[in-house]
């Protein structure tokens, strides 16, 4: 056996292909994966992303309004400042979401999520903050579900930062709600009481 025929025989053994069988062309060779459609690869498609981003935008807009209005109603400078901090954060995320929706060539939703009306129907500030945190938790869950399916690096980075920010705000708001008297909705006169 010559070196050439030994090499051919070895190649046949590795592929289990016989000389008389037609060569099969694979439909998605690994080297063409970068050309595959996002949905084919398990990523969210454009329509799904736009729906998701608009849903988040409406929720963030509601959160921004709830925290803005609640800061005015808070009886404590500390609670009001915390709510203003969260409000600025929510407004920041609204801007980020608007930018990404527009970058995808779509028109952002102008609606405010139903969360606003539900939250503002709660008169007790401590209970409203707890409800706000449930909304923040909803955003965290939604982001955790979608992030593995976001292919665009810039959008992925922004949504990851948004996730971390919401987790931090939940901790801050939980601490603040614990400081507020559950009966009156006002912060105690003496924080050490």
Foldseek 3Di string as FASTA:
>chain_A
DDPVVVVVVVVCVVVVDDPPDDDDDDPDDPVCVVVDALVVVVADDPVRVLVLLLVLLQLLQLLLVLLQVLLVVAQDPVSSVLSVVSNVLSVVSNVVSCVVSVVSVHHHDPHHDPLNVVLVVDPQQLVSLVSSLVSLVVLLVSLVVRLVRDDDPVVSVSSVVSNVVSVVSSVVSVVVSVQCDRPRSYGDPDSVD
